[in-house]
PDB file of all heavy atoms in Angstrom:
ATOM      1  N   MET A   1      99.944  76.373  88.247  1.00  0.00           N
ATOM      2  CA  MET A   1     101.023  75.993  89.211  1.00  0.00           C
ATOM      3  C   MET A   1     101.343  77.104  90.209  1.00  0.00           C
ATOM      4  O   MET A   1     101.675  76.824  91.371  1.00  0.00           O
ATOM      5  CB  MET A   1     102.179  75.426  88.481  1.00  0.00           C
ATOM      6  CG  MET A   1     101.922  74.185  87.688  1.00  0.00           C
ATOM      7  SD  MET A   1     103.285  73.652  86.656  1.00  0.00           S
ATOM      8  CE  MET A   1     104.299  72.883  87.936  1.00  0.00           C
ATOM      9  N   VAL A   2     101.395  78.328  89.688  1.00  0.00           N
ATOM     10  CA  VAL A   2     101.587  79.457  90.642  1.00  0.00           C
ATOM     11  C   VAL A   2     100.423  79.548  91.633  1.00  0.00           C
ATOM     12  O   VAL A   2     100.683  79.898  92.828  1.00  0.00           O
ATOM     13  CB  VAL A   2     101.785  80.753  89.829  1.00  0.00           C
ATOM     14  CG1 VAL A   2     101.744  81.946  90.764  1.00  0.00           C
ATOM     15  CG2 VAL A   2     103.094  80.777  89.001  1.00  0.00           C
ATOM     16  N   ASP A   3      99.241  79.240  91.175  1.00  0.00           N
ATOM     17  CA  ASP A   3      98.100  79.294  92.073  1.00  0.00           C
ATOM     18  C   ASP A   3      98.283  78.290  93.192  1.00  0.00           C
ATOM     19  O   ASP A   3      98.004  78.495  94.387  1.00  0.00           O
ATOM     20  CB  ASP A   3      96.804  78.961  91.357  1.00  0.00           C
ATOM     21  CG  ASP A   3      95.620  78.945  92.205  1.00  0.00           C
ATOM     22  OD1 ASP A   3      95.243  80.018  92.804  1.00  0.00           O
ATOM     23  OD2 ASP A   3      94.998  77.916  92.360  1.00  0.00           O
ATOM     24  N   LEU A   4      98.889  77.108  92.882  1.00  0.00           N
ATOM     25  CA  LEU A   4      99.168  76.056  93.847  1.00  0.00           C
ATOM     26  C   LEU A   4     100.199  76.680  94.907  1.00  0.00           C
ATOM     27  O   LEU A   4     100.132  76.414  96.123  1.00  0.00           O
ATOM     28  CB  LEU A   4      99.747  74.852  93.280  1.00  0.00           C
ATOM     29  CG  LEU A   4      98.758  73.937  92.518  1.00  0.00           C
ATOM     30  CD1 LEU A   4      99.415  72.792  91.837  1.00  0.00           C
ATOM     31  CD2 LEU A   4      97.589  73.369  93.448  1.00  0.00           C
ATOM     32  N   GLU A   5     101.240  77.407  94.389  1.00  0.00           N
ATOM     33  CA  GLU A   5     102.186  77.959  95.300  1.00  0.00           C
ATOM     34  C   GLU A   5     101.521  78.946  96.322  1.00  0.00           C
ATOM     35  O   GLU A   5     101.760  78.925  97.448  1.00  0.00           O
ATOM     36  CB  GLU A   5     103.230  78.720  94.552  1.00  0.00           C
ATOM     37  CG  GLU A   5     104.214  77.921  93.778  1.00  0.00           C
ATOM     38  CD  GLU A   5     105.322  78.774  93.049  1.00  0.00           C
ATOM     39  OE1 GLU A   5     104.937  79.726  92.383  1.00  0.00           O
ATOM     40  OE2 GLU A   5     106.464  78.517  93.188  1.00  0.00           O
ATOM     41  N   ALA A   6     100.595  79.738  95.695  1.00  0.00           N
ATOM     42  CA  ALA A   6      99.969  80.765  96.515  1.00  0.00           C
ATOM     43  C   ALA A   6      99.020  80.147  97.597  1.00  0.00           C
ATOM     44  O   ALA A   6      98.951  80.636  98.749  1.00  0.00           O
ATOM     45  CB  ALA A   6      99.207  81.717  95.609  1.00  0.00           C
ATOM     46  N   ARG A   7      98.396  79.119  97.206  1.00  0.00           N
ATOM     47  CA  ARG A   7      97.497  78.480  98.147  1.00  0.00           C
ATOM     48  C   ARG A   7      98.181  77.560  99.158  1.00  0.00           C
ATOM     49  O   ARG A   7      97.652  77.387 100.339  1.00  0.00           O
ATOM     50  CB  ARG A   7      96.425  77.685  97.438  1.00  0.00           C
ATOM     51  CG  ARG A   7      95.387  78.469  96.696  1.00  0.00           C
ATOM     52  CD  ARG A   7      94.203  77.738  96.106  1.00  0.00           C
ATOM     53  NE  ARG A   7      94.571  76.974  94.967  1.00  0.00           N
ATOM     54  CZ  ARG A   7      94.444  75.673  94.942  1.00  0.00           C
ATOM     55  NH1 ARG A   7      94.111  74.958  95.960  1.00  0.00           N
ATOM     56  NH2 ARG A   7      94.767  75.008  93.795  1.00  0.00           N
ATOM     57  N   SER A   8      99.331  77.029  98.843  1.00  0.00           N
ATOM     58  CA  SER A   8     100.100  76.120  99.750  1.00  0.00           C
ATOM     59  C   SER A   8     101.142  76.710 100.555  1.00  0.00           C
ATOM     60  O   SER A   8     101.459  76.266 101.654  1.00  0.00           O
ATOM     61  CB  SER A   8     100.723  74.962  98.909  1.00  0.00           C
ATOM     62  OG  SER A   8     101.787  75.438  98.128  1.00  0.00           O
ATOM     63  N   THR A   9     101.645  77.890 100.147  1.00  0.00           N
ATOM     64  CA  THR A   9     102.773  78.570 100.734  1.00  0.00           C
ATOM     65  C   THR A   9     104.064  77.793 100.500  1.00  0.00           C
ATOM     66  O   THR A   9     105.049  78.060 101.278  1.00  0.00           O
ATOM     67  CB  THR A   9     102.602  78.978 102.215  1.00  0.00           C
ATOM     68  OG1 THR A   9     102.581  77.730 103.033  1.00  0.00           O
ATOM     69  CG2 THR A   9     101.272  79.636 102.477  1.00  0.00           C
ATOM     70  N   PHE A  10     104.124  76.895  99.654  1.00  0.00           N
ATOM     71  CA  PHE A  10     105.305  76.215  99.223  1.00  0.00           C
ATOM     72  C   PHE A  10     105.838  76.651  97.878  1.00  0.00           C
ATOM     73  O   PHE A  10     105.092  76.520  96.928  1.00  0.00           O
ATOM     74  CB  PHE A  10     105.117  74.700  99.287  1.00  0.00           C
ATOM     75  CG  PHE A  10     105.088  74.157 100.713  1.00  0.00           C
ATOM     76  CD1 PHE A  10     103.868  74.107 101.470  1.00  0.00           C
ATOM     77  CD2 PHE A  10     106.220  73.713 101.341  1.00  0.00           C
ATOM     78  CE1 PHE A  10     103.799  73.520 102.633  1.00  0.00           C
ATOM     79  CE2 PHE A  10     106.144  73.131 102.649  1.00  0.00           C
ATOM     80  CZ  PHE A  10     104.986  73.087 103.232  1.00  0.00           C
ATOM     81  N   GLY A  11     107.073  77.052  97.836  1.00  0.00           N
ATOM     82  CA  GLY A  11     107.686  77.411  96.504  1.00  0.00           C
ATOM     83  C   GLY A  11     107.877  76.144  95.694  1.00  0.00           C
ATOM     84  O   GLY A  11     108.129  75.048  96.261  1.00  0.00           O
ATOM     85  N   PHE A  12     107.807  76.311  94.327  1.00  0.00           N
ATOM     86  CA  PHE A  12     107.922  75.188  93.438  1.00  0.00           C
ATOM     87  C   PHE A  12     109.247  74.441  93.587  1.00  0.00           C
ATOM     88  O   PHE A  12     109.253  73.257  93.554  1.00  0.00           O
ATOM     89  CB  PHE A  12     107.903  75.745  91.980  1.00  0.00           C
ATOM     90  CG  PHE A  12     107.890  74.688  90.981  1.00  0.00           C
ATOM     91  CD1 PHE A  12     106.902  73.724  90.860  1.00  0.00           C
ATOM     92  CD2 PHE A  12     108.867  74.652  89.993  1.00  0.00           C
ATOM     93  CE1 PHE A  12     106.965  72.789  89.902  1.00  0.00           C
ATOM     94  CE2 PHE A  12     108.963  73.748  89.023  1.00  0.00           C
ATOM     95  CZ  PHE A  12     107.964  72.771  88.985  1.00  0.00           C
ATOM     96  N   GLN A  13     110.319  75.100  93.861  1.00  0.00           N
ATOM     97  CA  GLN A  13     111.663  74.507  94.064  1.00  0.00           C
ATOM     98  C   GLN A  13     112.212  74.900  95.481  1.00  0.00           C
ATOM     99  O   GLN A  13     113.398  75.351  95.503  1.00  0.00           O
ATOM    100  CB  GLN A  13     112.604  74.841  92.854  1.00  0.00           C
ATOM    101  CG  GLN A  13     112.238  74.227  91.543  1.00  0.00           C
ATOM    102  CD  GLN A  13     113.208  74.602  90.452  1.00  0.00           C
ATOM    103  OE1 GLN A  13     113.686  75.742  90.436  1.00  0.00           O
ATOM    104  NE2 GLN A  13     113.444  73.680  89.538  1.00  0.00           N
ATOM    105  N   GLY A  14     111.444  74.737  96.435  1.00  0.00           N
ATOM    106  CA  GLY A  14     111.983  75.109  97.779  1.00  0.00           C
ATOM    107  C   GLY A  14     112.058  76.657  97.857  1.00  0.00           C
ATOM    108  O   GLY A  14     111.017  77.281  97.985  1.00  0.00           O
ATOM    109  N   ASN A  15     113.186  77.241  97.851  1.00  0.00           N
ATOM    110  CA  ASN A  15     113.404  78.643  97.975  1.00  0.00           C
ATOM    111  C   ASN A  15     113.084  79.380  96.598  1.00  0.00           C
ATOM    112  O   ASN A  15     112.990  80.649  96.591  1.00  0.00           O
ATOM    113  CB  ASN A  15     114.781  79.018  98.386  1.00  0.00           C
ATOM    114  CG  ASN A  15     114.970  78.596  99.883  1.00  0.00           C
ATOM    115  OD1 ASN A  15     114.042  78.552 100.715  1.00  0.00           O
ATOM    116  ND2 ASN A  15     116.244  78.242 100.210  1.00  0.00           N
ATOM    117  N   ARG A  16     112.936  78.669  95.567  1.00  0.00           N
ATOM    118  CA  ARG A  16     112.738  79.324  94.236  1.00  0.00           C
ATOM    119  C   ARG A  16     111.203  79.166  93.933  1.00  0.00           C
ATOM    120  O   ARG A  16     110.706  77.991  93.859  1.00  0.00           O
ATOM    121  CB  ARG A  16     113.538  78.648  93.137  1.00  0.00           C
ATOM    122  CG  ARG A  16     113.272  79.288  91.718  1.00  0.00           C
ATOM    123  CD  ARG A  16     114.050  78.532  90.651  1.00  0.00           C
ATOM    124  NE  ARG A  16     115.446  78.803  90.721  1.00  0.00           N
ATOM    125  CZ  ARG A  16     116.374  78.098  90.101  1.00  0.00           C
ATOM    126  NH1 ARG A  16     116.022  77.049  89.454  1.00  0.00           N
ATOM    127  NH2 ARG A  16     117.667  78.441  90.287  1.00  0.00           N
ATOM    128  N   TRP A  17     110.539  80.303  93.696  1.00  0.00           N
ATOM    129  CA  TRP A  17     109.152  80.298  93.517  1.00  0.00           C
ATOM    130  C   TRP A  17     108.909  80.406  91.943  1.00  0.00           C
ATOM    131  O   TRP A  17     109.556  81.270  91.255  1.00  0.00           O
ATOM    132  CB  TRP A  17     108.464  81.489  94.191  1.00  0.00           C
ATOM    133  CG  TRP A  17     108.369  81.258  95.649  1.00  0.00           C
ATOM    134  CD1 TRP A  17     109.422  81.254  96.504  1.00  0.00           C
ATOM    135  CD2 TRP A  17     107.164  81.080  96.455  1.00  0.00           C
ATOM    136  NE1 TRP A  17     108.966  81.051  97.825  1.00  0.00           N
ATOM    137  CE2 TRP A  17     107.582  80.924  97.819  1.00  0.00           C
ATOM    138  CE3 TRP A  17     105.890  81.085  96.107  1.00  0.00           C
ATOM    139  CZ2 TRP A  17     106.686  80.825  98.778  1.00  0.00           C
ATOM    140  CZ3 TRP A  17     104.898  80.936  97.154  1.00  0.00           C
ATOM    141  CH2 TRP A  17     105.260  80.773  98.533  1.00  0.00           C
ATOM    142  N   LEU A  18     108.125  79.578  91.412  1.00  0.00           N
ATOM    143  CA  LEU A  18     107.713  79.587  89.949  1.00  0.00           C
ATOM    144  C   LEU A  18     107.141  80.985  89.652  1.00  0.00           C
ATOM    145  O   LEU A  18     107.281  81.509  88.542  1.00  0.00           O
ATOM    146  CB  LEU A  18     106.746  78.465  89.586  1.00  0.00           C
ATOM    147  CG  LEU A  18     106.587  78.247  88.205  1.00  0.00           C
ATOM    148  CD1 LEU A  18     107.940  77.701  87.493  1.00  0.00           C
ATOM    149  CD2 LEU A  18     105.620  76.998  87.990  1.00  0.00           C
ATOM    150  N   ALA A  19     106.469  81.640  90.601  1.00  0.00           N
ATOM    151  CA  ALA A  19     105.836  82.922  90.360  1.00  0.00           C
ATOM    152  C   ALA A  19     106.914  83.904  90.030  1.00  0.00           C
ATOM    153  O   ALA A  19     106.562  84.849  89.247  1.00  0.00           O
ATOM    154  CB  ALA A  19     105.063  83.317  91.606  1.00  0.00           C
ATOM    155  N   ASP A  20     108.134  83.741  90.366  1.00  0.00           N
ATOM    156  CA  ASP A  20     109.146  84.780  90.150  1.00  0.00           C
ATOM    157  C   ASP A  20     109.705  84.593  88.722  1.00  0.00           C
ATOM    158  O   ASP A  20     110.528  85.389  88.329  1.00  0.00           O
ATOM    159  CB  ASP A  20     110.286  84.687  91.171  1.00  0.00           C
ATOM    160  CG  ASP A  20     109.735  85.081  92.570  1.00  0.00           C
ATOM    161  OD1 ASP A  20     108.769  85.889  92.650  1.00  0.00           O
ATOM    162  OD2 ASP A  20     110.311  84.667  93.604  1.00  0.00           O
ATOM    163  N   VAL A  21     109.518  83.502  88.100  1.00  0.00           N
ATOM    164  CA  VAL A  21     110.101  83.166  86.873  1.00  0.00           C
ATOM    165  C   VAL A  21     109.479  84.068  85.687  1.00  0.00           C
ATOM    166  O   VAL A  21     110.281  84.571  84.835  1.00  0.00           O
ATOM    167  CB  VAL A  21     109.854  81.664  86.463  1.00  0.00           C
ATOM    168  CG1 VAL A  21     110.257  81.380  85.022  1.00  0.00           C
ATOM    169  CG2 VAL A  21     110.638  80.775  87.379  1.00  0.00           C
ATOM    170  N   ALA A  22     108.276  84.206  85.706  1.00  0.00           N
ATOM    171  CA  ALA A  22     107.559  85.095  84.714  1.00  0.00           C
ATOM    172  C   ALA A  22     106.426  85.851  85.302  1.00  0.00           C
ATOM    173  O   ALA A  22     105.242  85.587  84.975  1.00  0.00           O
ATOM    174  CB  ALA A  22     107.107  84.247  83.551  1.00  0.00           C
ATOM    175  N   PRO A  23     106.667  86.710  86.268  1.00  0.00           N
ATOM    176  CA  PRO A  23     105.572  87.516  86.904  1.00  0.00           C
ATOM    177  C   PRO A  23     104.727  88.271  86.000  1.00  0.00           C
ATOM    178  O   PRO A  23     103.571  88.620  86.287  1.00  0.00           O
ATOM    179  CB  PRO A  23     106.337  88.381  87.905  1.00  0.00           C
ATOM    180  CG  PRO A  23     107.723  88.457  87.355  1.00  0.00           C
ATOM    181  CD  PRO A  23     107.956  87.134  86.694  1.00  0.00           C
ATOM    182  N   ASP A  24     105.233  88.590  84.759  1.00  0.00           N
ATOM    183  CA  ASP A  24     104.460  89.419  83.783  1.00  0.00           C
ATOM    184  C   ASP A  24     103.254  88.617  83.272  1.00  0.00           C
ATOM    185  O   ASP A  24     102.305  89.179  82.731  1.00  0.00           O
ATOM    186  CB  ASP A  24     105.335  89.768  82.640  1.00  0.00           C
ATOM    187  CG  ASP A  24     106.021  88.589  81.944  1.00  0.00           C
ATOM    188  OD1 ASP A  24     106.774  87.915  82.726  1.00  0.00           O
ATOM    189  OD2 ASP A  24     105.831  88.401  80.828  1.00  0.00           O
ATOM    190  N   LEU A  25     103.258  87.257  83.563  1.00  0.00           N
ATOM    191  CA  LEU A  25     102.122  86.389  83.076  1.00  0.00           C
ATOM    192  C   LEU A  25     101.016  86.345  84.114  1.00  0.00           C
ATOM    193  O   LEU A  25      99.951  85.790  83.837  1.00  0.00           O
ATOM    194  CB  LEU A  25     102.596  85.007  82.816  1.00  0.00           C
ATOM    195  CG  LEU A  25     103.642  84.792  81.656  1.00  0.00           C
ATOM    196  CD1 LEU A  25     104.014  83.344  81.508  1.00  0.00           C
ATOM    197  CD2 LEU A  25     103.082  85.330  80.258  1.00  0.00           C
ATOM    198  N   LEU A  26     101.207  86.984  85.251  1.00  0.00           N
ATOM    199  CA  LEU A  26     100.237  86.975  86.330  1.00  0.00           C
ATOM    200  C   LEU A  26      99.599  88.299  86.477  1.00  0.00           C
ATOM    201  O   LEU A  26     100.182  89.350  86.240  1.00  0.00           O
ATOM    202  CB  LEU A  26     100.986  86.630  87.683  1.00  0.00           C
ATOM    203  CG  LEU A  26     101.877  85.461  87.701  1.00  0.00           C
ATOM    204  CD1 LEU A  26     102.637  85.339  89.056  1.00  0.00           C
ATOM    205  CD2 LEU A  26     101.110  84.125  87.429  1.00  0.00           C
ATOM    206  N   ASP A  27      98.267  88.159  86.778  1.00  0.00           N
ATOM    207  CA  ASP A  27      97.536  89.451  86.950  1.00  0.00           C
ATOM    208  C   ASP A  27      97.762  90.014  88.429  1.00  0.00           C
ATOM    209  O   ASP A  27      98.525  89.370  89.238  1.00  0.00           O
ATOM    210  CB  ASP A  27      96.018  89.244  86.813  1.00  0.00           C
ATOM    211  CG  ASP A  27      95.408  88.244  87.696  1.00  0.00           C
ATOM    212  OD1 ASP A  27      95.955  87.960  88.829  1.00  0.00           O
ATOM    213  OD2 ASP A  27      94.333  87.632  87.396  1.00  0.00           O
ATOM    214  N   ALA A  28      97.355  91.189  88.682  1.00  0.00           N
ATOM    215  CA  ALA A  28      97.636  91.841  89.957  1.00  0.00           C
ATOM    216  C   ALA A  28      97.100  91.068  91.145  1.00  0.00           C
ATOM    217  O   ALA A  28      97.785  91.006  92.213  1.00  0.00           O
ATOM    218  CB  ALA A  28      97.034  93.263  89.949  1.00  0.00           C
ATOM    219  N   GLU A  29      95.986  90.443  91.079  1.00  0.00           N
ATOM    220  CA  GLU A  29      95.450  89.654  92.099  1.00  0.00           C
ATOM    221  C   GLU A  29      96.343  88.534  92.408  1.00  0.00           C
ATOM    222  O   GLU A  29      96.525  88.232  93.639  1.00  0.00           O
ATOM    223  CB  GLU A  29      94.031  89.200  91.727  1.00  0.00           C
ATOM    224  CG  GLU A  29      93.333  88.349  92.877  1.00  0.00           C
ATOM    225  CD  GLU A  29      91.906  87.947  92.417  1.00  0.00           C
ATOM    226  OE1 GLU A  29      91.479  88.236  91.353  1.00  0.00           O
ATOM    227  OE2 GLU A  29      91.269  87.226  93.279  1.00  0.00           O
ATOM    228  N   MET A  30      96.914  87.739  91.430  1.00  0.00           N
ATOM    229  CA  MET A  30      97.716  86.632  91.712  1.00  0.00           C
ATOM    230  C   MET A  30      99.037  87.052  92.277  1.00  0.00           C
ATOM    231  O   MET A  30      99.611  86.461  93.130  1.00  0.00           O
ATOM    232  CB  MET A  30      97.887  85.789  90.378  1.00  0.00           C
ATOM    233  CG  MET A  30      98.815  84.597  90.635  1.00  0.00           C
ATOM    234  SD  MET A  30      98.199  83.480  91.919  1.00  0.00           S
ATOM    235  CE  MET A  30      96.692  82.842  91.145  1.00  0.00           C
ATOM    236  N   ARG A  31      99.591  88.196  91.755  1.00  0.00           N
ATOM    237  CA  ARG A  31     100.817  88.683  92.308  1.00  0.00           C
ATOM    238  C   ARG A  31     100.663  89.076  93.806  1.00  0.00           C
ATOM    239  O   ARG A  31     101.548  88.764  94.561  1.00  0.00           O
ATOM    240  CB  ARG A  31     101.381  89.906  91.529  1.00  0.00           C
ATOM    241  CG  ARG A  31     101.826  89.484  90.116  1.00  0.00           C
ATOM    242  CD  ARG A  31     102.738  90.746  89.455  1.00  0.00           C
ATOM    243  NE  ARG A  31     101.967  91.825  89.287  1.00  0.00           N
ATOM    244  CZ  ARG A  31     101.287  92.110  88.156  1.00  0.00           C
ATOM    245  NH1 ARG A  31     101.294  91.239  87.124  1.00  0.00           N
ATOM    246  NH2 ARG A  31     100.571  93.170  87.966  1.00  0.00           N
ATOM    247  N   SER A  32      99.591  89.581  94.159  1.00  0.00           N
ATOM    248  CA  SER A  32      99.288  89.909  95.508  1.00  0.00           C
ATOM    249  C   SER A  32      99.208  88.641  96.372  1.00  0.00           C
ATOM    250  O   SER A  32      99.672  88.579  97.538  1.00  0.00           O
ATOM    251  CB  SER A  32      98.001  90.794  95.627  1.00  0.00           C
ATOM    252  OG  SER A  32      97.701  90.993  96.992  1.00  0.00           O
ATOM    253  N   ALA A  33      98.505  87.642  95.878  1.00  0.00           N
ATOM    254  CA  ALA A  33      98.295  86.386  96.553  1.00  0.00           C
ATOM    255  C   ALA A  33      99.629  85.711  96.818  1.00  0.00           C
ATOM    256  O   ALA A  33      99.916  85.133  97.802  1.00  0.00           O
ATOM    257  CB  ALA A  33      97.408  85.405  95.745  1.00  0.00           C
ATOM    258  N   VAL A  34     100.594  85.794  95.814  1.00  0.00           N
ATOM    259  CA  VAL A  34     101.882  85.218  95.954  1.00  0.00           C
ATOM    260  C   VAL A  34     102.672  85.901  97.049  1.00  0.00           C
ATOM    261  O   VAL A  34     103.362  85.281  97.908  1.00  0.00           O
ATOM    262  CB  VAL A  34     102.677  85.177  94.601  1.00  0.00           C
ATOM    263  CG1 VAL A  34     104.090  84.869  94.804  1.00  0.00           C
ATOM    264  CG2 VAL A  34     102.046  84.223  93.583  1.00  0.00           C
ATOM    265  N   ALA A  35     102.528  87.235  97.056  1.00  0.00           N
ATOM    266  CA  ALA A  35     103.297  88.051  98.112  1.00  0.00           C
ATOM    267  C   ALA A  35     102.761  87.611  99.472  1.00  0.00           C
ATOM    268  O   ALA A  35     103.590  87.461 100.373  1.00  0.00           O
ATOM    269  CB  ALA A  35     103.120  89.531  97.826  1.00  0.00           C
ATOM    270  N   SER A  36     101.468  87.402  99.620  1.00  0.00           N
ATOM    271  CA  SER A  36     100.989  86.999 100.907  1.00  0.00           C
ATOM    272  C   SER A  36     101.364  85.602 101.243  1.00  0.00           C
ATOM    273  O   SER A  36     101.676  85.299 102.395  1.00  0.00           O
ATOM    274  CB  SER A  36      99.374  87.038 100.879  1.00  0.00           C
ATOM    275  OG  SER A  36      98.911  88.392 100.692  1.00  0.00           O
ATOM    276  N   ALA A  37     101.431  84.721 100.248  1.00  0.00           N
ATOM    277  CA  ALA A  37     101.875  83.364 100.481  1.00  0.00           C
ATOM    278  C   ALA A  37     103.332  83.337 100.978  1.00  0.00           C
ATOM    279  O   ALA A  37     103.679  82.558 101.793  1.00  0.00           O
ATOM    280  CB  ALA A  37     101.663  82.511  99.223  1.00  0.00           C
ATOM    281  N   LYS A  38     104.212  84.182 100.351  1.00  0.00           N
ATOM    282  CA  LYS A  38     105.563  84.192 100.762  1.00  0.00           C
ATOM    283  C   LYS A  38     105.676  84.689 102.198  1.00  0.00           C
ATOM    284  O   LYS A  38     106.511  84.119 102.988  1.00  0.00           O
ATOM    285  CB  LYS A  38     106.330  85.107  99.826  1.00  0.00           C
ATOM    286  CG  LYS A  38     106.560  84.600  98.502  1.00  0.00           C
ATOM    287  CD  LYS A  38     107.386  85.591  97.664  1.00  0.00           C
ATOM    288  CE  LYS A  38     107.678  85.017  96.340  1.00  0.00           C
ATOM    289  NZ  LYS A  38     108.428  85.900  95.428  1.00  0.00           N
ATOM    290  N   ARG A  39     104.931  85.617 102.716  1.00  0.00           N
ATOM    291  CA  ARG A  39     104.933  86.050 104.024  1.00  0.00           C
ATOM    292  C   ARG A  39     104.425  84.950 104.965  1.00  0.00           C
ATOM    293  O   ARG A  39     105.069  84.640 106.009  1.00  0.00           O
ATOM    294  CB  ARG A  39     104.011  87.327 104.240  1.00  0.00           C
ATOM    295  CG  ARG A  39     104.640  88.523 103.606  1.00  0.00           C
ATOM    296  CD  ARG A  39     103.939  89.815 104.061  1.00  0.00           C
ATOM    297  NE  ARG A  39     102.554  89.766 103.626  1.00  0.00           N
ATOM    298  CZ  ARG A  39     102.111  90.336 102.408  1.00  0.00           C
ATOM    299  NH1 ARG A  39     103.041  90.814 101.600  1.00  0.00           N
ATOM    300  NH2 ARG A  39     100.818  90.316 102.050  1.00  0.00           N
ATOM    301  N   ALA A  40     103.391  84.190 104.533  1.00  0.00           N
ATOM    302  CA  ALA A  40     102.883  83.151 105.286  1.00  0.00           C
ATOM    303  C   ALA A  40     103.868  81.984 105.383  1.00  0.00           C
ATOM    304  O   ALA A  40     104.021  81.321 106.439  1.00  0.00           O
ATOM    305  CB  ALA A  40     101.540  82.600 104.756  1.00  0.00           C
ATOM    306  N   ALA A  41     104.598  81.756 104.278  1.00  0.00           N
ATOM    307  CA  ALA A  41     105.626  80.725 104.227  1.00  0.00           C
ATOM    308  C   ALA A  41     106.685  80.996 105.299  1.00  0.00           C
ATOM    309  O   ALA A  41     107.174  80.064 105.983  1.00  0.00           O
ATOM    310  CB  ALA A  41     106.212  80.640 102.868  1.00  0.00           C
ATOM    311  N   MET A  42     107.097  82.219 105.410  1.00  0.00           N
ATOM    312  CA  MET A  42     108.159  82.584 106.375  1.00  0.00           C
ATOM    313  C   MET A  42     107.650  82.281 107.797  1.00  0.00           C
ATOM    314  O   MET A  42     108.344  81.772 108.604  1.00  0.00           O
ATOM    315  CB  MET A  42     108.499  84.007 106.245  1.00  0.00           C
ATOM    316  CG  MET A  42     109.199  84.457 104.957  1.00  0.00           C
ATOM    317  SD  MET A  42     110.883  83.588 104.802  1.00  0.00           S
ATOM    318  CE  MET A  42     111.762  84.425 106.039  1.00  0.00           C
ATOM    319  N   GLU A  43     106.432  82.639 108.081  1.00  0.00           N
ATOM    320  CA  GLU A  43     105.836  82.417 109.432  1.00  0.00           C
ATOM    321  C   GLU A  43     105.633  80.864 109.641  1.00  0.00           C
ATOM    322  O   GLU A  43     105.926  80.377 110.742  1.00  0.00           O
ATOM    323  CB  GLU A  43     104.497  83.121 109.531  1.00  0.00           C
ATOM    324  CG  GLU A  43     103.793  82.906 110.871  1.00  0.00           C
ATOM    325  CD  GLU A  43     104.466  83.358 112.113  1.00  0.00           C
ATOM    326  OE1 GLU A  43     105.530  84.093 111.999  1.00  0.00           O
ATOM    327  OE2 GLU A  43     104.075  83.043 113.166  1.00  0.00           O
ATOM    328  N   ARG A  44     105.209  80.149 108.577  1.00  0.00           N
ATOM    329  CA  ARG A  44     105.097  78.689 108.734  1.00  0.00           C
ATOM    330  C   ARG A  44     106.365  78.019 109.031  1.00  0.00           C
ATOM    331  O   ARG A  44     106.423  77.223 109.929  1.00  0.00           O
ATOM    332  CB  ARG A  44     104.463  78.126 107.454  1.00  0.00           C
ATOM    333  CG  ARG A  44     104.469  76.592 107.380  1.00  0.00           C
ATOM    334  CD  ARG A  44     103.908  76.123 106.085  1.00  0.00           C
ATOM    335  NE  ARG A  44     104.525  76.595 104.998  1.00  0.00           N
ATOM    336  CZ  ARG A  44     105.737  76.232 104.455  1.00  0.00           C
ATOM    337  NH1 ARG A  44     106.444  75.305 105.174  1.00  0.00           N
ATOM    338  NH2 ARG A  44     106.281  76.704 103.420  1.00  0.00           N
ATOM    339  N   MET A  45     107.400  78.468 108.421  1.00  0.00           N
ATOM    340  CA  MET A  45     108.710  77.868 108.619  1.00  0.00           C
ATOM    341  C   MET A  45     109.260  78.229 109.979  1.00  0.00           C
ATOM    342  O   MET A  45     109.928  77.461 110.674  1.00  0.00           O
ATOM    343  CB  MET A  45     109.712  78.306 107.555  1.00  0.00           C
ATOM    344  CG  MET A  45     109.474  77.681 106.188  1.00  0.00           C
ATOM    345  SD  MET A  45     110.740  77.979 104.913  1.00  0.00           S
ATOM    346  CE  MET A  45     110.367  79.716 104.524  1.00  0.00           C
TER     347      MET A  45
END
């Protein structure tokens, strides 16, 4: 589900990203993808 957030640039609950709930469960690559997705989300909005 975090991968869906990263690929879509849409947080799971609007402004709340599921990725932030348990970031320790994500590897470095996914955390980096989420950070990029959040930047893209700001530009998309």
